């Protein structure tokens, strides 16, 4: 009886999280369409993607905690760099510090029981960041890639895609 109740409560939290992600994604997409923020003045894309995921973890801390921690920490470093508050020669140090802060947050959540000890997500996220950085340095990214990453389009598309994927997963479970 209690196990069935726990599973039902957990799936309710998963659906709420998915709906929160969809709603946040739509809000950011509307913001991108209506506001058309200058990414030189407001380089907030990565940071808002991380904050949006952090907000969604309120509904279900067992999912997205790792990604939210790392992306938010990296988003702060990206924001500070593109606002020219971190000199270009120190951007690598800032990214390494941000990854370290994100990993410390993951340790905290692991000790609280929200993240499994064998999670590979941190490694995958750090690898993806490294690949993106290598592609940027080599000039192999598509035109407009940096503007997309810094704009409201990134959190809009990213959060909406996560929300739809999680909604589909929660429907498939039942």
C-alpha atoms as a PDB file:
ATOM      1  CA  UNK A   1       0.000   0.000   0.000  1.00  0.00           C
ATOM      2  CA  UNK A   2       2.663   2.527   0.974  1.00  0.00           C
ATOM      3  CA  UNK A   3       4.851   1.588  -2.009  1.00  0.00           C
ATOM      4  CA  UNK A   4       1.974   2.194  -4.440  1.00  0.00           C
ATOM      5  CA  UNK A   5       1.278   5.539  -2.759  1.00  0.00           C
ATOM      6  CA  UNK A   6       4.945   6.502  -3.001  1.00  0.00           C
ATOM      7  CA  UNK A   7       5.092   5.628  -6.718  1.00  0.00           C
ATOM      8  CA  UNK A   8       1.882   7.557  -7.377  1.00  0.00           C
ATOM      9  CA  UNK A   9       3.186  10.597  -5.493  1.00  0.00           C
ATOM     10  CA  UNK A  10       6.494  10.430  -7.343  1.00  0.00           C
ATOM     11  CA  UNK A  11       4.798  10.285 -10.753  1.00  0.00           C
ATOM     12  CA  UNK A  12       2.694  13.278  -9.703  1.00  0.00           C
ATOM     13  CA  UNK A  13       5.896  15.177  -8.894  1.00  0.00           C
ATOM     14  CA  UNK A  14       7.390  14.118 -12.238  1.00  0.00           C
ATOM     15  CA  UNK A  15       4.348  15.418 -14.120  1.00  0.00           C
ATOM     16  CA  UNK A  16       4.423  18.707 -12.208  1.00  0.00           C
ATOM     17  CA  UNK A  17       8.101  19.091 -13.006  1.00  0.00           C
ATOM     18  CA  UNK A  18       7.465  18.382 -16.687  1.00  0.00           C
ATOM     19  CA  UNK A  19       4.637  20.929 -16.779  1.00  0.00           C
ATOM     20  CA  UNK A  20       6.817  23.512 -15.022  1.00  0.00           C
ATOM     21  CA  UNK A  21       9.513  22.964 -17.658  1.00  0.00           C
ATOM     22  CA  UNK A  22       6.998  23.358 -20.492  1.00  0.00           C
ATOM     23  CA  UNK A  23       5.538  26.529 -18.957  1.00  0.00           C
ATOM     24  CA  UNK A  24       8.989  28.044 -18.377  1.00  0.00           C
ATOM     25  CA  UNK A  25      10.015  27.095 -21.916  1.00  0.00           C
ATOM     26  CA  UNK A  26       6.958  28.794 -23.388  1.00  0.00           C
ATOM     27  CA  UNK A  27       7.561  31.901 -21.260  1.00  0.00           C
ATOM     28  CA  UNK A  28      11.159  32.148 -22.479  1.00  0.00           C
ATOM     29  CA  UNK A  29      10.122  31.562 -26.094  1.00  0.00           C
ATOM     30  CA  UNK A  30       7.537  34.326 -25.807  1.00  0.00           C
ATOM     31  CA  UNK A  31      10.207  36.524 -24.235  1.00  0.00           C
ATOM     32  CA  UNK A  32      12.580  35.753 -27.112  1.00  0.00           C
ATOM     33  CA  UNK A  33       9.892  36.626 -29.660  1.00  0.00           C
ATOM     34  CA  UNK A  34       8.622  39.767 -27.993  1.00  0.00           C
ATOM     35  CA  UNK A  35      11.649  41.269 -26.241  1.00  0.00           C
ATOM     36  CA  UNK A  36      14.428  40.553 -28.766  1.00  0.00           C
ATOM     37  CA  UNK A  37      17.117  41.262 -26.180  1.00  0.00           C
ATOM     38  CA  UNK A  38      20.556  42.280 -27.379  1.00  0.00           C
ATOM     39  CA  UNK A  39      22.874  39.386 -26.405  1.00  0.00           C
ATOM     40  CA  UNK A  40      25.785  41.823 -26.038  1.00  0.00           C
ATOM     41  CA  UNK A  41      23.932  43.595 -23.240  1.00  0.00           C
ATOM     42  CA  UNK A  42      22.012  40.616 -21.827  1.00  0.00           C
ATOM     43  CA  UNK A  43      23.984  37.358 -22.339  1.00  0.00           C
ATOM     44  CA  UNK A  44      21.550  35.382 -20.171  1.00  0.00           C
ATOM     45  CA  UNK A  45      20.742  32.241 -22.195  1.00  0.00           C
ATOM     46  CA  UNK A  46      22.864  29.633 -20.423  1.00  0.00           C
ATOM     47  CA  UNK A  47      22.226  31.168 -17.010  1.00  0.00           C
ATOM     48  CA  UNK A  48      18.442  31.201 -17.474  1.00  0.00           C
ATOM     49  CA  UNK A  49      18.498  27.622 -18.758  1.00  0.00           C
ATOM     50  CA  UNK A  50      20.203  26.598 -15.526  1.00  0.00           C
ATOM     51  CA  UNK A  51      17.881  28.671 -13.354  1.00  0.00           C
ATOM     52  CA  UNK A  52      14.861  27.234 -15.163  1.00  0.00           C
ATOM     53  CA  UNK A  53      16.100  23.713 -14.445  1.00  0.00           C
ATOM     54  CA  UNK A  54      16.752  24.685 -10.812  1.00  0.00           C
ATOM     55  CA  UNK A  55      13.174  25.941 -10.510  1.00  0.00           C
ATOM     56  CA  UNK A  56      11.919  22.641 -11.942  1.00  0.00           C
ATOM     57  CA  UNK A  57      13.896  20.673  -9.351  1.00  0.00           C
ATOM     58  CA  UNK A  58      11.602  22.176  -6.702  1.00  0.00           C
ATOM     59  CA  UNK A  59       8.878  19.837  -7.985  1.00  0.00           C
ATOM     60  CA  UNK A  60      11.094  16.750  -8.263  1.00  0.00           C
ATOM     61  CA  UNK A  61      14.601  17.006  -6.779  1.00  0.00           C
ATOM     62  CA  UNK A  62      15.468  13.505  -8.015  1.00  0.00           C
ATOM     63  CA  UNK A  63      15.549  14.623 -11.630  1.00  0.00           C
ATOM     64  CA  UNK A  64      17.592  17.407 -13.271  1.00  0.00           C
ATOM     65  CA  UNK A  65      19.539  18.278 -10.120  1.00  0.00           C
ATOM     66  CA  UNK A  66      22.902  17.449 -11.684  1.00  0.00           C
ATOM     67  CA  UNK A  67      22.304  19.335 -14.910  1.00  0.00           C
ATOM     68  CA  UNK A  68      20.737  22.289 -13.098  1.00  0.00           C
ATOM     69  CA  UNK A  69      23.720  22.623 -10.747  1.00  0.00           C
ATOM     70  CA  UNK A  70      26.347  22.515 -13.485  1.00  0.00           C
ATOM     71  CA  UNK A  71      24.493  24.604 -16.059  1.00  0.00           C
ATOM     72  CA  UNK A  72      23.637  27.327 -13.542  1.00  0.00           C
ATOM     73  CA  UNK A  73      27.242  27.574 -12.342  1.00  0.00           C
ATOM     74  CA  UNK A  74      28.517  27.648 -15.932  1.00  0.00           C
ATOM     75  CA  UNK A  75      25.793  30.128 -16.845  1.00  0.00           C
ATOM     76  CA  UNK A  76      27.100  32.534 -14.221  1.00  0.00           C
ATOM     77  CA  UNK A  77      30.625  32.258 -15.661  1.00  0.00           C
ATOM     78  CA  UNK A  78      29.341  32.702 -19.238  1.00  0.00           C
ATOM     79  CA  UNK A  79      27.293  35.736 -18.201  1.00  0.00           C
ATOM     80  CA  UNK A  80      30.234  37.346 -16.404  1.00  0.00           C
ATOM     81  CA  UNK A  81      32.568  36.683 -19.354  1.00  0.00           C
ATOM     82  CA  UNK A  82      30.228  38.073 -22.007  1.00  0.00           C
ATOM     83  CA  UNK A  83      29.453  41.102 -19.815  1.00  0.00           C
ATOM     84  CA  UNK A  84      33.249  41.671 -19.838  1.00  0.00           C
ATOM     85  CA  UNK A  85      33.483  41.329 -16.061  1.00  0.00           C
ATOM     86  CA  UNK A  86      35.946  38.451 -16.509  1.00  0.00           C
ATOM     87  CA  UNK A  87      38.935  39.163 -18.782  1.00  0.00           C
ATOM     88  CA  UNK A  88      39.346  36.890 -21.799  1.00  0.00           C
ATOM     89  CA  UNK A  89      42.595  35.455 -20.458  1.00  0.00           C
ATOM     90  CA  UNK A  90      40.806  34.244 -17.339  1.00  0.00           C
ATOM     91  CA  UNK A  91      37.765  32.622 -18.954  1.00  0.00           C
ATOM     92  CA  UNK A  92      39.186  29.093 -18.727  1.00  0.00           C
ATOM     93  CA  UNK A  93      39.840  29.562 -15.012  1.00  0.00           C
ATOM     94  CA  UNK A  94      36.320  30.902 -14.561  1.00  0.00           C
ATOM     95  CA  UNK A  95      34.813  27.879 -16.352  1.00  0.00           C
ATOM     96  CA  UNK A  96      36.896  25.469 -14.280  1.00  0.00           C
ATOM     97  CA  UNK A  97      35.819  27.231 -11.080  1.00  0.00           C
ATOM     98  CA  UNK A  98      32.194  27.124 -12.226  1.00  0.00           C
ATOM     99  CA  UNK A  99      32.418  23.395 -12.929  1.00  0.00           C
ATOM    100  CA  UNK A 100      33.969  22.914  -9.482  1.00  0.00           C
ATOM    101  CA  UNK A 101      31.136  24.846  -7.835  1.00  0.00           C
ATOM    102  CA  UNK A 102      28.581  22.812  -9.792  1.00  0.00           C
ATOM    103  CA  UNK A 103      30.270  19.585  -8.701  1.00  0.00           C
ATOM    104  CA  UNK A 104      30.238  20.728  -5.069  1.00  0.00           C
ATOM    105  CA  UNK A 105      26.494  21.316  -5.363  1.00  0.00           C
ATOM    106  CA  UNK A 106      26.130  17.794  -6.781  1.00  0.00           C
ATOM    107  CA  UNK A 107      28.042  16.412  -3.779  1.00  0.00           C
ATOM    108  CA  UNK A 108      25.604  18.220  -1.495  1.00  0.00           C
ATOM    109  CA  UNK A 109      22.606  16.747  -3.337  1.00  0.00           C
ATOM    110  CA  UNK A 110      24.209  13.293  -3.343  1.00  0.00           C
ATOM    111  CA  UNK A 111      24.620  13.409   0.423  1.00  0.00           C
ATOM    112  CA  UNK A 112      20.977  14.433   0.714  1.00  0.00           C
ATOM    113  CA  UNK A 113      19.977  11.375  -1.338  1.00  0.00           C
ATOM    114  CA  UNK A 114      18.690  13.206  -4.412  1.00  0.00           C
ATOM    115  CA  UNK A 115      21.486  11.978  -6.682  1.00  0.00           C
ATOM    116  CA  UNK A 116      22.815   8.431  -6.983  1.00  0.00           C
ATOM    117  CA  UNK A 117      26.470   7.819  -6.189  1.00  0.00           C
ATOM    118  CA  UNK A 118      27.180   6.318  -9.628  1.00  0.00           C
ATOM    119  CA  UNK A 119      25.703   9.159 -11.704  1.00  0.00           C
ATOM    120  CA  UNK A 120      27.541   9.715 -14.979  1.00  0.00           C
ATOM    121  CA  UNK A 121      25.690  12.917 -15.907  1.00  0.00           C
ATOM    122  CA  UNK A 122      28.377  15.250 -14.515  1.00  0.00           C
ATOM    123  CA  UNK A 123      31.009  13.673 -16.737  1.00  0.00           C
ATOM    124  CA  UNK A 124      28.757  13.825 -19.794  1.00  0.00           C
ATOM    125  CA  UNK A 125      27.919  17.491 -19.183  1.00  0.00           C
ATOM    126  CA  UNK A 126      31.580  18.442 -18.685  1.00  0.00           C
ATOM    127  CA  UNK A 127      32.494  16.545 -21.875  1.00  0.00           C
ATOM    128  CA  UNK A 128      29.778  18.396 -23.807  1.00  0.00           C
ATOM    129  CA  UNK A 129      31.047  21.742 -22.504  1.00  0.00           C
ATOM    130  CA  UNK A 130      34.579  20.777 -23.570  1.00  0.00           C
ATOM    131  CA  UNK A 131      33.410  19.736 -27.032  1.00  0.00           C
ATOM    132  CA  UNK A 132      31.472  22.982 -27.499  1.00  0.00           C
ATOM    133  CA  UNK A 133      34.481  25.017 -26.369  1.00  0.00           C
ATOM    134  CA  UNK A 134      36.781  23.113 -28.750  1.00  0.00           C
ATOM    135  CA  UNK A 135      34.375  23.686 -31.635  1.00  0.00           C
ATOM    136  CA  UNK A 136      34.136  27.380 -30.777  1.00  0.00           C
ATOM    137  CA  UNK A 137      37.915  27.763 -30.693  1.00  0.00           C
ATOM    138  CA  UNK A 138      38.261  25.931 -34.017  1.00  0.00           C
ATOM    139  CA  UNK A 139      35.528  28.075 -35.584  1.00  0.00           C
ATOM    140  CA  UNK A 140      33.417  25.019 -36.415  1.00  0.00           C
ATOM    141  CA  UNK A 141      30.132  26.160 -34.941  1.00  0.00           C
ATOM    142  CA  UNK A 142      27.279  27.318 -37.173  1.00  0.00           C
ATOM    143  CA  UNK A 143      26.747  31.049 -37.729  1.00  0.00           C
ATOM    144  CA  UNK A 144      24.656  32.538 -34.952  1.00  0.00           C
ATOM    145  CA  UNK A 145      25.516  29.756 -32.493  1.00  0.00           C
ATOM    146  CA  UNK A 146      26.886  32.069 -29.806  1.00  0.00           C
ATOM    147  CA  UNK A 147      23.954  34.475 -30.173  1.00  0.00           C
ATOM    148  CA  UNK A 148      21.554  31.533 -29.773  1.00  0.00           C
ATOM    149  CA  UNK A 149      23.386  30.283 -26.674  1.00  0.00           C
ATOM    150  CA  UNK A 150      23.271  33.737 -25.085  1.00  0.00           C
ATOM    151  CA  UNK A 151      19.673  34.574 -26.005  1.00  0.00           C
ATOM    152  CA  UNK A 152      16.311  33.659 -24.516  1.00  0.00           C
ATOM    153  CA  UNK A 153      15.929  31.104 -27.313  1.00  0.00           C
ATOM    154  CA  UNK A 154      18.256  28.635 -25.543  1.00  0.00           C
ATOM    155  CA  UNK A 155      16.258  28.386 -22.300  1.00  0.00           C
ATOM    156  CA  UNK A 156      13.020  28.493 -24.282  1.00  0.00           C
ATOM    157  CA  UNK A 157      13.901  25.634 -26.591  1.00  0.00           C
ATOM    158  CA  UNK A 158      15.878  23.691 -23.963  1.00  0.00           C
ATOM    159  CA  UNK A 159      13.275  23.822 -21.202  1.00  0.00           C
ATOM    160  CA  UNK A 160      10.400  23.147 -23.589  1.00  0.00           C
ATOM    161  CA  UNK A 161      12.215  20.129 -25.052  1.00  0.00           C
ATOM    162  CA  UNK A 162      13.004  18.769 -21.573  1.00  0.00           C
ATOM    163  CA  UNK A 163       9.415  19.305 -20.462  1.00  0.00           C
ATOM    164  CA  UNK A 164       7.916  17.567 -23.488  1.00  0.00           C
ATOM    165  CA  UNK A 165      10.377  14.671 -23.146  1.00  0.00           C
ATOM    166  CA  UNK A 166       9.547  14.252 -19.456  1.00  0.00           C
ATOM    167  CA  UNK A 167       5.811  14.485 -20.149  1.00  0.00           C
ATOM    168  CA  UNK A 168       6.129  11.736 -22.742  1.00  0.00           C
ATOM    169  CA  UNK A 169       8.146   9.616 -20.312  1.00  0.00           C
ATOM    170  CA  UNK A 170       5.565  10.064 -17.553  1.00  0.00           C
ATOM    171  CA  UNK A 171       2.695   9.121 -19.917  1.00  0.00           C
ATOM    172  CA  UNK A 172       4.617   6.092 -21.133  1.00  0.00           C
ATOM    173  CA  UNK A 173       5.061   4.819 -17.565  1.00  0.00           C
ATOM    174  CA  UNK A 174       1.292   4.566 -17.121  1.00  0.00           C
END
